[in-house]
Amino acid sequence: TTGDEVGQLASRFNWMAMQLEDREKQLNQNITELDQTLQHLSTLQANLIAEKMSSLGKMVAGIAHEINNPVNFIHGNVPHAKNYLQDLRYLLELYKTHSTPLHPEIEEAIADIDPEFLLSDFEKILTSMRHGSDRIRAIVLDLRNFSRLDESDQKQVDLHDGLEGALNMLRYRLTSPSLKQEISVIKNYGDLPWIHCYAGQVNQVFLNLLSNAIDALESVPNSAAPPQITLTTSVNPENTKVTIEIADNGPGIPSKTLKQIFDPFFTTKPIGQGTGLGLTVSYQIIVHRHHGNLTCNSEVGQGTVIAIELPVESSDQPTTKNQFNLNGGQLTPNLEVNLSKNEV
């Protein structure tokens, strides 16, 4: 009968709907498991990079130490060499004064050698050696400060030293051939207290963020505005938290992209020019390792400001809030990303 046929159709339809619902649940479960696996691999990759940086820090510290020893010999002996030169100059003057007339062979040697020029030029050589050894010592100091990644304990450090060290490591990029003019760096440093932190890890964050700022400026080589990076540091009234802002006047970040910048493996750079883990590792270091905060404020056409907030005194225990999960599950922390009113 017609009623039986309708009932059979309804029954089949319900069965198909149930099958479809079951398959949809299974598909969602598979997607969730794949997402958790990807997040797990992403975290392992980020941790691997952190371990590599720690090993690199140890290697750099060792190299810096080996370079520093012979350079110190040169640097320390240059003043003695200058004193010996003055003594020789005085001795030659005495010979000239009290040994007249000079033997013809000596006169000929003086004409050939030109002692006045030799002594004057030798003094300039010693001065250039002193300047060169000063420069090498400064580079070694920057390397040693930056390579504190091998230090296992937190220490009281001056964040301005870390910023300056990271800048020195990237100074060659401030005169990028792709830009019409050199990138200027404006420093608005406040009176910061020394803070308790893992210096090498924080230095790595500085290097990552400064490198990103330079990348942003290089991406608009024909910009009418002179390329500029502004570093601003401050401390809150209670003297419990410090803030470091790294700003550039580059192209800015679209709102859709801004929401993803801390996601593992997310990058807007061409293939081979970025791993997409620099900001992820930086977030791990600041938020998870130091109980701080890392935020980004950007507007297209106006540039980007990355703000680091760190406590002056930090516990050595990792935070559980916003912690990356090594056993799968939610990886991306609750990021604070500020959008300008024109981008919302």
C-alpha atoms as a PDB file:
ATOM      1  CA  THR A   1       0.000   0.000   0.000  1.00  0.00           C
ATOM      2  CA  THR A   2       0.960   3.611  -0.299  1.00  0.00           C
ATOM      3  CA  GLY A   3       1.344   3.909   3.464  1.00  0.00           C
ATOM      4  CA  ASP A   4       3.737   0.968   3.593  1.00  0.00           C
ATOM      5  CA  GLU A   5       5.829   2.412   0.781  1.00  0.00           C
ATOM      6  CA  VAL A   6       6.031   5.766   2.521  1.00  0.00           C
ATOM      7  CA  GLY A   7       7.038   4.020   5.734  1.00  0.00           C
ATOM      8  CA  GLN A   8       9.759   2.073   3.957  1.00  0.00           C
ATOM      9  CA  LEU A   9      11.055   5.225   2.308  1.00  0.00           C
ATOM     10  CA  ALA A  10      11.074   7.044   5.629  1.00  0.00           C
ATOM     11  CA  SER A  11      12.885   4.136   7.251  1.00  0.00           C
ATOM     12  CA  ARG A  12      15.512   4.058   4.524  1.00  0.00           C
ATOM     13  CA  PHE A  13      15.902   7.809   4.700  1.00  0.00           C
ATOM     14  CA  ASN A  14      16.425   7.652   8.455  1.00  0.00           C
ATOM     15  CA  TRP A  15      18.953   4.842   8.016  1.00  0.00           C
ATOM     16  CA  MET A  16      20.845   6.873   5.406  1.00  0.00           C
ATOM     17  CA  ALA A  17      20.747   9.929   7.668  1.00  0.00           C
ATOM     18  CA  MET A  18      22.174   7.881  10.555  1.00  0.00           C
ATOM     19  CA  GLN A  19      24.887   6.469   8.299  1.00  0.00           C
ATOM     20  CA  LEU A  20      25.740   9.966   7.119  1.00  0.00           C
ATOM     21  CA  GLU A  21      25.860  11.236  10.690  1.00  0.00           C
ATOM     22  CA  ASP A  22      28.132   8.350  11.750  1.00  0.00           C
ATOM     23  CA  ARG A  23      30.492   8.988   8.849  1.00  0.00           C
ATOM     24  CA  GLU A  24      30.529  12.692   9.634  1.00  0.00           C
ATOM     25  CA  LYS A  25      31.441  11.928  13.252  1.00  0.00           C
ATOM     26  CA  GLN A  26      34.187   9.558  12.103  1.00  0.00           C
ATOM     27  CA  LEU A  27      35.499  12.173   9.678  1.00  0.00           C
ATOM     28  CA  ASN A  28      35.523  14.823  12.405  1.00  0.00           C
ATOM     29  CA  GLN A  29      37.330  12.420  14.714  1.00  0.00           C
ATOM     30  CA  ASN A  30      39.935  11.705  12.027  1.00  0.00           C
ATOM     31  CA  ILE A  31      40.399  15.435  11.436  1.00  0.00           C
ATOM     32  CA  THR A  32      40.830  16.011  15.180  1.00  0.00           C
ATOM     33  CA  GLU A  33      43.396  13.213  15.448  1.00  0.00           C
ATOM     34  CA  LEU A  34      45.322  14.525  12.446  1.00  0.00           C
ATOM     35  CA  ASP A  35      45.244  18.039  13.884  1.00  0.00           C
ATOM     36  CA  GLN A  36      46.541  16.775  17.221  1.00  0.00           C
ATOM     37  CA  THR A  37      49.302  14.845  15.458  1.00  0.00           C
ATOM     38  CA  LEU A  38      50.319  17.940  13.498  1.00  0.00           C
ATOM     39  CA  GLN A  39      50.301  20.033  16.662  1.00  0.00           C
ATOM     40  CA  HIS A  40      52.401  17.419  18.429  1.00  0.00           C
ATOM     41  CA  LEU A  41      54.937  17.407  15.581  1.00  0.00           C
ATOM     42  CA  SER A  42      54.944  21.207  15.544  1.00  0.00           C
ATOM     43  CA  THR A  43      55.769  21.339  19.238  1.00  0.00           C
ATOM     44  CA  LEU A  44      58.518  18.764  18.861  1.00  0.00           C
ATOM     45  CA  GLN A  45      59.961  20.808  15.993  1.00  0.00           C
ATOM     46  CA  ALA A  46      59.889  23.982  18.089  1.00  0.00           C
ATOM     47  CA  ASN A  47      61.577  22.183  20.982  1.00  0.00           C
ATOM     48  CA  LEU A  48      64.175  20.753  18.604  1.00  0.00           C
ATOM     49  CA  ILE A  49      65.018  24.258  17.419  1.00  0.00           C
ATOM     50  CA  ALA A  50      65.347  25.394  21.035  1.00  0.00           C
ATOM     51  CA  GLU A  51      67.738  22.497  21.707  1.00  0.00           C
ATOM     52  CA  LYS A  52      69.743  23.345  18.602  1.00  0.00           C
ATOM     53  CA  MET A  53      70.013  26.949  19.762  1.00  0.00           C
ATOM     54  CA  SER A  54      71.250  25.747  23.143  1.00  0.00           C
ATOM     55  CA  SER A  55      73.931  23.620  21.457  1.00  0.00           C
ATOM     56  CA  LEU A  56      74.822  26.538  19.210  1.00  0.00           C
ATOM     57  CA  GLY A  57      75.169  28.739  22.268  1.00  0.00           C
ATOM     58  CA  LYS A  58      77.665  26.348  23.810  1.00  0.00           C
ATOM     59  CA  MET A  59      79.663  26.169  20.589  1.00  0.00           C
ATOM     60  CA  VAL A  60      79.690  29.948  20.126  1.00  0.00           C
ATOM     61  CA  ALA A  61      80.750  30.455  23.742  1.00  0.00           C
ATOM     62  CA  GLY A  62      83.664  28.067  23.208  1.00  0.00           C
ATOM     63  CA  ILE A  63      84.737  29.739  19.969  1.00  0.00           C
ATOM     64  CA  ALA A  64      84.481  33.181  21.553  1.00  0.00           C
ATOM     65  CA  HIS A  65      86.688  32.017  24.419  1.00  0.00           C
ATOM     66  CA  GLU A  66      89.314  30.599  22.038  1.00  0.00           C
ATOM     67  CA  ILE A  67      89.363  33.815  19.993  1.00  0.00           C
ATOM     68  CA  ASN A  68      89.458  36.011  23.064  1.00  0.00           C
ATOM     69  CA  ASN A  69      92.671  34.570  24.494  1.00  0.00           C
ATOM     70  CA  PRO A  70      95.063  35.372  21.591  1.00  0.00           C
ATOM     71  CA  VAL A  71      93.315  38.695  20.969  1.00  0.00           C
ATOM     72  CA  ASN A  72      93.975  39.650  24.582  1.00  0.00           C
ATOM     73  CA  PHE A  73      97.685  38.922  24.023  1.00  0.00           C
ATOM     74  CA  ILE A  74      97.726  41.308  21.058  1.00  0.00           C
ATOM     75  CA  HIS A  75      95.596  43.927  22.782  1.00  0.00           C
ATOM     76  CA  GLY A  76      97.662  43.844  25.962  1.00  0.00           C
ATOM     77  CA  ASN A  77     101.054  43.976  24.214  1.00  0.00           C
ATOM     78  CA  VAL A  78     100.335  46.886  21.869  1.00  0.00           C
ATOM     79  CA  PRO A  79     100.932  49.515  24.627  1.00  0.00           C
ATOM     80  CA  HIS A  80     104.258  47.854  25.477  1.00  0.00           C
ATOM     81  CA  ALA A  81     105.235  47.892  21.798  1.00  0.00           C
ATOM     82  CA  LYS A  82     104.444  51.622  21.667  1.00  0.00           C
ATOM     83  CA  ASN A  83     106.625  52.245  24.716  1.00  0.00           C
ATOM     84  CA  TYR A  84     109.480  50.274  23.153  1.00  0.00           C
ATOM     85  CA  LEU A  85     109.059  52.329  19.986  1.00  0.00           C
ATOM     86  CA  GLN A  86     109.432  55.554  21.955  1.00  0.00           C
ATOM     87  CA  ASP A  87     112.581  54.178  23.587  1.00  0.00           C
ATOM     88  CA  LEU A  88     114.050  53.290  20.189  1.00  0.00           C
ATOM     89  CA  ARG A  89     113.168  56.733  18.860  1.00  0.00           C
ATOM     90  CA  TYR A  90     114.947  58.336  21.815  1.00  0.00           C
ATOM     91  CA  LEU A  91     117.997  56.067  21.347  1.00  0.00           C
ATOM     92  CA  LEU A  92     118.252  56.951  17.643  1.00  0.00           C
ATOM     93  CA  GLU A  93     118.084  60.639  18.474  1.00  0.00           C
ATOM     94  CA  LEU A  94     120.956  60.205  20.930  1.00  0.00           C
ATOM     95  CA  TYR A  95     123.040  58.415  18.297  1.00  0.00           C
ATOM     96  CA  LYS A  96     122.406  61.208  15.809  1.00  0.00           C
ATOM     97  CA  THR A  97     123.293  63.877  18.358  1.00  0.00           C
ATOM     98  CA  HIS A  98     126.459  62.355  19.790  1.00  0.00           C
ATOM     99  CA  SER A  99     127.818  60.405  16.828  1.00  0.00           C
ATOM    100  CA  THR A 100     128.560  63.136  14.318  1.00  0.00           C
ATOM    101  CA  PRO A 101     129.815  62.984  11.706  1.00  0.00           C
ATOM    102  CA  LEU A 102     128.102  59.680  10.911  1.00  0.00           C
ATOM    103  CA  HIS A 103     129.887  56.949   9.047  1.00  0.00           C
ATOM    104  CA  PRO A 104     129.095  57.080   5.269  1.00  0.00           C
ATOM    105  CA  GLU A 105     127.580  53.596   5.413  1.00  0.00           C
ATOM    106  CA  ILE A 106     125.244  54.708   8.211  1.00  0.00           C
ATOM    107  CA  GLU A 107     124.324  57.849   6.247  1.00  0.00           C
ATOM    108  CA  GLU A 108     123.490  55.685   3.235  1.00  0.00           C
ATOM    109  CA  ALA A 109     121.374  53.316   5.356  1.00  0.00           C
ATOM    110  CA  ILE A 110     119.478  56.273   6.860  1.00  0.00           C
ATOM    111  CA  ALA A 111     118.733  57.584   3.386  1.00  0.00           C
ATOM    112  CA  ASP A 112     117.488  54.171   2.245  1.00  0.00           C
ATOM    113  CA  ILE A 113     115.438  53.312   5.320  1.00  0.00           C
ATOM    114  CA  ASP A 114     114.086  56.796   6.197  1.00  0.00           C
ATOM    115  CA  PRO A 115     113.869  56.191   9.966  1.00  0.00           C
ATOM    116  CA  GLU A 116     111.499  59.141  10.545  1.00  0.00           C
ATOM    117  CA  PHE A 117     108.903  57.699   8.177  1.00  0.00           C
ATOM    118  CA  LEU A 118     109.475  54.189   9.514  1.00  0.00           C
ATOM    119  CA  LEU A 119     108.952  55.236  13.143  1.00  0.00           C
ATOM    120  CA  SER A 120     105.931  57.376  12.317  1.00  0.00           C
ATOM    121  CA  ASP A 121     104.295  54.674  10.198  1.00  0.00           C
ATOM    122  CA  PHE A 122     105.068  51.965  12.738  1.00  0.00           C
ATOM    123  CA  GLU A 123     103.248  53.973  15.397  1.00  0.00           C
ATOM    124  CA  LYS A 124     100.227  54.207  13.084  1.00  0.00           C
ATOM    125  CA  ILE A 125     100.384  50.446  12.534  1.00  0.00           C
ATOM    126  CA  LEU A 126     100.357  49.854  16.288  1.00  0.00           C
ATOM    127  CA  THR A 127      97.400  52.214  16.672  1.00  0.00           C
ATOM    128  CA  SER A 128      95.464  50.383  13.957  1.00  0.00           C
ATOM    129  CA  MET A 129      96.307  47.068  15.649  1.00  0.00           C
ATOM    130  CA  ARG A 130      94.910  48.439  18.908  1.00  0.00           C
ATOM    131  CA  HIS A 131      91.717  49.601  17.183  1.00  0.00           C
ATOM    132  CA  GLY A 132      91.382  46.253  15.414  1.00  0.00           C
ATOM    133  CA  SER A 133      91.851  44.280  18.622  1.00  0.00           C
ATOM    134  CA  ASP A 134      89.319  46.558  20.346  1.00  0.00           C
ATOM    135  CA  ARG A 135      86.822  45.724  17.608  1.00  0.00           C
ATOM    136  CA  ILE A 136      87.489  41.982  17.879  1.00  0.00           C
ATOM    137  CA  ARG A 137      87.115  42.149  21.662  1.00  0.00           C
ATOM    138  CA  ALA A 138      83.768  43.929  21.250  1.00  0.00           C
ATOM    139  CA  ILE A 139      82.567  41.295  18.772  1.00  0.00           C
ATOM    140  CA  VAL A 140      83.676  38.494  21.087  1.00  0.00           C
ATOM    141  CA  LEU A 141      81.865  40.163  23.983  1.00  0.00           C
ATOM    142  CA  ASP A 142      78.689  40.370  21.899  1.00  0.00           C
ATOM    143  CA  LEU A 143      79.056  36.696  20.988  1.00  0.00           C
ATOM    144  CA  ARG A 144      79.596  35.706  24.607  1.00  0.00           C
ATOM    145  CA  ASN A 145      76.622  37.754  25.794  1.00  0.00           C
ATOM    146  CA  PHE A 146      74.418  36.445  23.013  1.00  0.00           C
ATOM    147  CA  SER A 147      75.520  32.844  23.467  1.00  0.00           C
ATOM    148  CA  ARG A 148      74.246  32.609  27.018  1.00  0.00           C
ATOM    149  CA  LEU A 149      71.891  29.960  25.622  1.00  0.00           C
ATOM    150  CA  ASP A 150      74.168  27.423  27.266  1.00  0.00           C
ATOM    151  CA  GLU A 151      73.507  28.801  30.746  1.00  0.00           C
ATOM    152  CA  SER A 152      71.163  26.537  32.682  1.00  0.00           C
ATOM    153  CA  ASP A 153      70.299  29.005  35.438  1.00  0.00           C
ATOM    154  CA  GLN A 154      68.527  32.322  35.470  1.00  0.00           C
ATOM    155  CA  LYS A 155      70.681  35.367  36.179  1.00  0.00           C
ATOM    156  CA  GLN A 156      70.294  39.078  36.774  1.00  0.00           C
ATOM    157  CA  VAL A 157      70.880  40.768  33.416  1.00  0.00           C
ATOM    158  CA  ASP A 158      70.661  44.163  31.748  1.00  0.00           C
ATOM    159  CA  LEU A 159      68.177  43.838  28.881  1.00  0.00           C
ATOM    160  CA  HIS A 160      69.737  46.812  27.103  1.00  0.00           C
ATOM    161  CA  ASP A 161      72.961  44.817  26.755  1.00  0.00           C
ATOM    162  CA  GLY A 162      70.975  42.019  25.120  1.00  0.00           C
ATOM    163  CA  LEU A 163      69.285  44.426  22.708  1.00  0.00           C
ATOM    164  CA  GLU A 164      72.606  46.012  21.778  1.00  0.00           C
ATOM    165  CA  GLY A 165      74.181  42.598  21.272  1.00  0.00           C
ATOM    166  CA  ALA A 166      71.364  41.477  18.971  1.00  0.00           C
ATOM    167  CA  LEU A 167      71.653  44.750  17.044  1.00  0.00           C
ATOM    168  CA  ASN A 168      75.379  44.248  16.621  1.00  0.00           C
ATOM    169  CA  MET A 169      74.783  40.719  15.332  1.00  0.00           C
ATOM    170  CA  LEU A 170      72.435  42.158  12.685  1.00  0.00           C
ATOM    171  CA  ARG A 171      74.277  45.405  11.972  1.00  0.00           C
ATOM    172  CA  TYR A 172      75.379  44.174   8.544  1.00  0.00           C
ATOM    173  CA  ARG A 173      71.711  43.930   7.541  1.00  0.00           C
ATOM    174  CA  LEU A 174      70.971  47.556   8.400  1.00  0.00           C
ATOM    175  CA  THR A 175      72.737  48.528   5.172  1.00  0.00           C
ATOM    176  CA  SER A 176      70.781  46.107   2.997  1.00  0.00           C
ATOM    177  CA  PRO A 177      71.552  46.459  -0.737  1.00  0.00           C
ATOM    178  CA  SER A 178      67.831  46.038  -1.471  1.00  0.00           C
ATOM    179  CA  LEU A 179      67.036  49.307   0.319  1.00  0.00           C
ATOM    180  CA  LYS A 180      67.748  52.799  -0.981  1.00  0.00           C
ATOM    181  CA  GLN A 181      69.141  53.936   2.351  1.00  0.00           C
ATOM    182  CA  GLU A 182      70.389  52.501   5.620  1.00  0.00           C
ATOM    183  CA  ILE A 183      67.857  51.404   8.221  1.00  0.00           C
ATOM    184  CA  SER A 184      67.971  53.862  11.115  1.00  0.00           C
ATOM    185  CA  VAL A 185      67.552  52.596  14.664  1.00  0.00           C
ATOM    186  CA  ILE A 186      65.961  54.941  17.208  1.00  0.00           C
ATOM    187  CA  LYS A 187      66.489  54.012  20.859  1.00  0.00           C
ATOM    188  CA  ASN A 188      64.086  55.240  23.515  1.00  0.00           C
ATOM    189  CA  TYR A 189      65.602  53.423  26.457  1.00  0.00           C
ATOM    190  CA  GLY A 190      64.064  53.840  29.881  1.00  0.00           C
ATOM    191  CA  ASP A 191      65.751  53.320  33.235  1.00  0.00           C
ATOM    192  CA  LEU A 192      65.235  49.572  33.497  1.00  0.00           C
ATOM    193  CA  PRO A 193      66.093  47.461  36.521  1.00  0.00           C
ATOM    194  CA  TRP A 194      68.103  44.330  35.940  1.00  0.00           C
ATOM    195  CA  ILE A 195      65.776  41.359  35.563  1.00  0.00           C
ATOM    196  CA  HIS A 196      65.987  37.698  36.501  1.00  0.00           C
ATOM    197  CA  CYS A 197      65.866  35.604  33.307  1.00  0.00           C
ATOM    198  CA  TYR A 198      67.541  33.148  30.961  1.00  0.00           C
ATOM    199  CA  ALA A 199      69.625  35.744  29.150  1.00  0.00           C
ATOM    200  CA  GLY A 200      70.518  33.687  26.093  1.00  0.00           C
ATOM    201  CA  GLN A 201      66.916  32.737  25.423  1.00  0.00           C
ATOM    202  CA  VAL A 202      65.727  36.340  25.736  1.00  0.00           C
ATOM    203  CA  ASN A 203      68.566  37.422  23.434  1.00  0.00           C
ATOM    204  CA  GLN A 204      67.330  34.883  20.881  1.00  0.00           C
ATOM    205  CA  VAL A 205      63.882  36.497  21.036  1.00  0.00           C
ATOM    206  CA  PHE A 206      65.446  39.925  20.441  1.00  0.00           C
ATOM    207  CA  LEU A 207      67.320  38.540  17.437  1.00  0.00           C
ATOM    208  CA  ASN A 208      64.171  36.915  16.012  1.00  0.00           C
ATOM    209  CA  LEU A 209      62.053  40.054  16.362  1.00  0.00           C
ATOM    210  CA  LEU A 210      64.716  42.432  15.031  1.00  0.00           C
ATOM    211  CA  SER A 211      65.346  40.114  12.087  1.00  0.00           C
ATOM    212  CA  ASN A 212      61.608  40.073  11.331  1.00  0.00           C
ATOM    213  CA  ALA A 213      61.503  43.875  11.473  1.00  0.00           C
ATOM    214  CA  ILE A 214      64.381  44.098   8.980  1.00  0.00           C
ATOM    215  CA  ASP A 215      62.650  41.541   6.738  1.00  0.00           C
ATOM    216  CA  ALA A 216      59.506  43.685   6.777  1.00  0.00           C
ATOM    217  CA  LEU A 217      61.443  46.806   5.779  1.00  0.00           C
ATOM    218  CA  GLU A 218      63.263  44.934   3.011  1.00  0.00           C
ATOM    219  CA  SER A 219      59.919  43.800   1.586  1.00  0.00           C
ATOM    220  CA  VAL A 220      59.108  47.411   0.566  1.00  0.00           C
ATOM    221  CA  PRO A 221      62.401  48.664  -0.952  1.00  0.00           C
ATOM    222  CA  ASN A 222      60.681  51.517  -2.790  1.00  0.00           C
ATOM    223  CA  SER A 223      58.896  52.951   0.234  1.00  0.00           C
ATOM    224  CA  ALA A 224      58.849  56.747   0.357  1.00  0.00           C
ATOM    225  CA  ALA A 225      59.447  56.771   4.119  1.00  0.00           C
ATOM    226  CA  PRO A 226      63.026  56.174   5.328  1.00  0.00           C
ATOM    227  CA  PRO A 227      63.256  52.654   6.828  1.00  0.00           C
ATOM    228  CA  GLN A 228      63.245  52.838  10.591  1.00  0.00           C
ATOM    229  CA  ILE A 229      63.235  50.579  13.648  1.00  0.00           C
ATOM    230  CA  THR A 230      62.342  52.041  17.035  1.00  0.00           C
ATOM    231  CA  LEU A 231      63.317  50.358  20.299  1.00  0.00           C
ATOM    232  CA  THR A 232      61.431  51.498  23.396  1.00  0.00           C
ATOM    233  CA  THR A 233      61.909  50.160  26.914  1.00  0.00           C
ATOM    234  CA  SER A 234      60.005  51.031  30.069  1.00  0.00           C
ATOM    235  CA  VAL A 235      59.117  49.751  33.528  1.00  0.00           C
ATOM    236  CA  ASN A 236      55.735  49.875  35.247  1.00  0.00           C
ATOM    237  CA  PRO A 237      55.222  52.180  38.277  1.00  0.00           C
ATOM    238  CA  GLU A 238      55.444  49.237  40.677  1.00  0.00           C
ATOM    239  CA  ASN A 239      58.851  48.303  39.230  1.00  0.00           C
ATOM    240  CA  THR A 240      57.666  44.707  38.782  1.00  0.00           C
ATOM    241  CA  LYS A 241      57.385  44.430  34.981  1.00  0.00           C
ATOM    242  CA  VAL A 242      59.445  45.736  32.078  1.00  0.00           C
ATOM    243  CA  THR A 243      58.261  46.260  28.516  1.00  0.00           C
ATOM    244  CA  ILE A 244      60.388  46.160  25.370  1.00  0.00           C
ATOM    245  CA  GLU A 245      58.782  47.363  22.149  1.00  0.00           C
ATOM    246  CA  ILE A 246      60.318  46.713  18.734  1.00  0.00           C
ATOM    247  CA  ALA A 247      58.557  48.800  16.083  1.00  0.00           C
ATOM    248  CA  ASP A 248      59.114  49.172  12.349  1.00  0.00           C
ATOM    249  CA  ASN A 249      57.541  51.439   9.751  1.00  0.00           C
ATOM    250  CA  GLY A 250      57.211  48.627   7.233  1.00  0.00           C
ATOM    251  CA  PRO A 251      54.120  47.498   5.319  1.00  0.00           C
ATOM    252  CA  GLY A 252      52.226  46.235   8.367  1.00  0.00           C
ATOM    253  CA  ILE A 253      50.316  42.971   8.709  1.00  0.00           C
ATOM    254  CA  PRO A 254      46.761  42.314   7.442  1.00  0.00           C
ATOM    255  CA  SER A 255      44.282  41.407  10.184  1.00  0.00           C
ATOM    256  CA  LYS A 256      43.696  37.897   8.801  1.00  0.00           C
ATOM    257  CA  THR A 257      47.437  37.202   8.835  1.00  0.00           C
ATOM    258  CA  LEU A 258      47.933  38.873  12.215  1.00  0.00           C
ATOM    259  CA  LYS A 259      45.773  36.252  13.892  1.00  0.00           C
ATOM    260  CA  GLN A 260      48.103  33.491  12.670  1.00  0.00           C
ATOM    261  CA  ILE A 261      51.588  34.905  13.198  1.00  0.00           C
ATOM    262  CA  PHE A 262      52.258  32.869  16.356  1.00  0.00           C
ATOM    263  CA  ASP A 263      51.001  29.615  14.822  1.00  0.00           C
ATOM    264  CA  PRO A 264      53.730  26.996  14.220  1.00  0.00           C
ATOM    265  CA  PHE A 265      55.038  26.860  10.640  1.00  0.00           C
ATOM    266  CA  PHE A 266      53.000  29.888   9.575  1.00  0.00           C
ATOM    267  CA  THR A 267      55.083  32.250   7.450  1.00  0.00           C
ATOM    268  CA  THR A 268      54.473  34.791   4.722  1.00  0.00           C
ATOM    269  CA  LYS A 269      58.067  34.588   3.515  1.00  0.00           C
ATOM    270  CA  PRO A 270      59.023  32.837   0.266  1.00  0.00           C
ATOM    271  CA  ILE A 271      59.896  29.150   0.426  1.00  0.00           C
ATOM    272  CA  GLY A 272      63.363  28.673   1.865  1.00  0.00           C
ATOM    273  CA  GLN A 273      63.460  32.048   3.614  1.00  0.00           C
ATOM    274  CA  GLY A 274      61.520  31.231   6.753  1.00  0.00           C
ATOM    275  CA  THR A 275      60.596  28.224   8.890  1.00  0.00           C
ATOM    276  CA  GLY A 276      57.514  29.782  10.450  1.00  0.00           C
ATOM    277  CA  LEU A 277      58.826  28.902  13.922  1.00  0.00           C
ATOM    278  CA  GLY A 278      60.642  32.086  14.963  1.00  0.00           C
ATOM    279  CA  LEU A 279      57.634  33.697  16.625  1.00  0.00           C
ATOM    280  CA  THR A 280      56.411  30.364  18.000  1.00  0.00           C
ATOM    281  CA  VAL A 281      59.733  29.770  19.743  1.00  0.00           C
ATOM    282  CA  SER A 282      59.790  33.407  20.898  1.00  0.00           C
ATOM    283  CA  TYR A 283      56.320  33.004  22.387  1.00  0.00           C
ATOM    284  CA  GLN A 284      57.394  29.820  24.148  1.00  0.00           C
ATOM    285  CA  ILE A 285      60.429  31.568  25.637  1.00  0.00           C
ATOM    286  CA  ILE A 286      58.608  34.695  26.819  1.00  0.00           C
ATOM    287  CA  VAL A 287      55.257  33.261  27.951  1.00  0.00           C
ATOM    288  CA  HIS A 288      55.981  29.662  28.895  1.00  0.00           C
ATOM    289  CA  ARG A 289      59.548  30.015  30.135  1.00  0.00           C
ATOM    290  CA  HIS A 290      59.501  33.505  31.669  1.00  0.00           C
ATOM    291  CA  HIS A 291      55.829  34.051  32.622  1.00  0.00           C
ATOM    292  CA  GLY A 292      55.729  37.147  30.442  1.00  0.00           C
ATOM    293  CA  ASN A 293      53.609  38.269  27.523  1.00  0.00           C
ATOM    294  CA  LEU A 294      54.233  38.758  23.798  1.00  0.00           C
ATOM    295  CA  THR A 295      51.793  40.862  21.777  1.00  0.00           C
ATOM    296  CA  CYS A 296      51.615  42.266  18.278  1.00  0.00           C
ATOM    297  CA  ASN A 297      49.888  45.452  17.142  1.00  0.00           C
ATOM    298  CA  SER A 298      49.932  46.201  13.425  1.00  0.00           C
ATOM    299  CA  GLU A 299      48.140  48.274  10.826  1.00  0.00           C
ATOM    300  CA  VAL A 300      48.566  47.890   7.090  1.00  0.00           C
ATOM    301  CA  GLY A 301      50.629  50.762   5.738  1.00  0.00           C
ATOM    302  CA  GLN A 302      51.618  51.949   9.215  1.00  0.00           C
ATOM    303  CA  GLY A 303      54.051  49.315  10.432  1.00  0.00           C
ATOM    304  CA  THR A 304      54.170  46.801  13.262  1.00  0.00           C
ATOM    305  CA  VAL A 305      54.896  46.932  16.986  1.00  0.00           C
ATOM    306  CA  ILE A 306      55.897  43.792  18.882  1.00  0.00           C
ATOM    307  CA  ALA A 307      55.781  44.205  22.668  1.00  0.00           C
ATOM    308  CA  ILE A 308      57.584  41.954  25.133  1.00  0.00           C
ATOM    309  CA  GLU A 309      56.536  42.106  28.772  1.00  0.00           C
ATOM    310  CA  LEU A 310      58.728  40.406  31.358  1.00  0.00           C
ATOM    311  CA  PRO A 311      58.553  40.242  35.154  1.00  0.00           C
ATOM    312  CA  VAL A 312      61.520  41.716  36.985  1.00  0.00           C
ATOM    313  CA  GLU A 313      61.645  38.682  39.271  1.00  0.00           C
ATOM    314  CA  SER A 314      60.717  35.380  37.621  1.00  0.00           C
ATOM    315  CA  SER A 315      59.969  31.990  39.087  1.00  0.00           C
ATOM    316  CA  ASP A 316      62.024  29.156  37.652  1.00  0.00           C
ATOM    317  CA  GLN A 317      58.918  26.989  37.229  1.00  0.00           C
ATOM    318  CA  PRO A 318      57.323  26.832  33.764  1.00  0.00           C
ATOM    319  CA  THR A 319      53.857  28.290  33.575  1.00  0.00           C
ATOM    320  CA  THR A 320      50.914  25.962  32.958  1.00  0.00           C
ATOM    321  CA  LYS A 321      48.775  28.645  31.369  1.00  0.00           C
ATOM    322  CA  ASN A 322      49.199  28.836  27.612  1.00  0.00           C
ATOM    323  CA  GLN A 323      51.589  25.889  27.845  1.00  0.00           C
ATOM    324  CA  PHE A 324      52.406  23.938  24.709  1.00  0.00           C
ATOM    325  CA  ASN A 325      51.160  20.362  25.003  1.00  0.00           C
ATOM    326  CA  LEU A 326      53.760  17.736  24.136  1.00  0.00           C
ATOM    327  CA  ASN A 327      51.168  14.955  24.235  1.00  0.00           C
ATOM    328  CA  GLY A 328      48.957  16.287  21.491  1.00  0.00           C
ATOM    329  CA  GLY A 329      45.891  18.445  21.883  1.00  0.00           C
ATOM    330  CA  GLN A 330      45.710  22.206  21.805  1.00  0.00           C
ATOM    331  CA  LEU A 331      49.042  23.713  20.831  1.00  0.00           C
ATOM    332  CA  THR A 332      48.309  27.328  20.012  1.00  0.00           C
ATOM    333  CA  PRO A 333      48.121  29.400  23.234  1.00  0.00           C
ATOM    334  CA  ASN A 334      45.596  32.128  23.931  1.00  0.00           C
ATOM    335  CA  LEU A 335      47.409  34.846  22.062  1.00  0.00           C
ATOM    336  CA  GLU A 336      46.772  38.505  22.641  1.00  0.00           C
ATOM    337  CA  VAL A 337      46.693  40.060  19.191  1.00  0.00           C
ATOM    338  CA  ASN A 338      45.610  43.678  18.973  1.00  0.00           C
ATOM    339  CA  LEU A 339      43.902  44.835  15.792  1.00  0.00           C
ATOM    340  CA  SER A 340      43.625  48.481  14.888  1.00  0.00           C
ATOM    341  CA  LYS A 341      40.138  49.884  14.503  1.00  0.00           C
ATOM    342  CA  ASN A 342      40.649  50.035  10.748  1.00  0.00           C
ATOM    343  CA  GLU A 343      41.363  46.311  10.511  1.00  0.00           C
ATOM    344  CA  VAL A 344      38.522  44.815  12.539  1.00  0.00           C
END
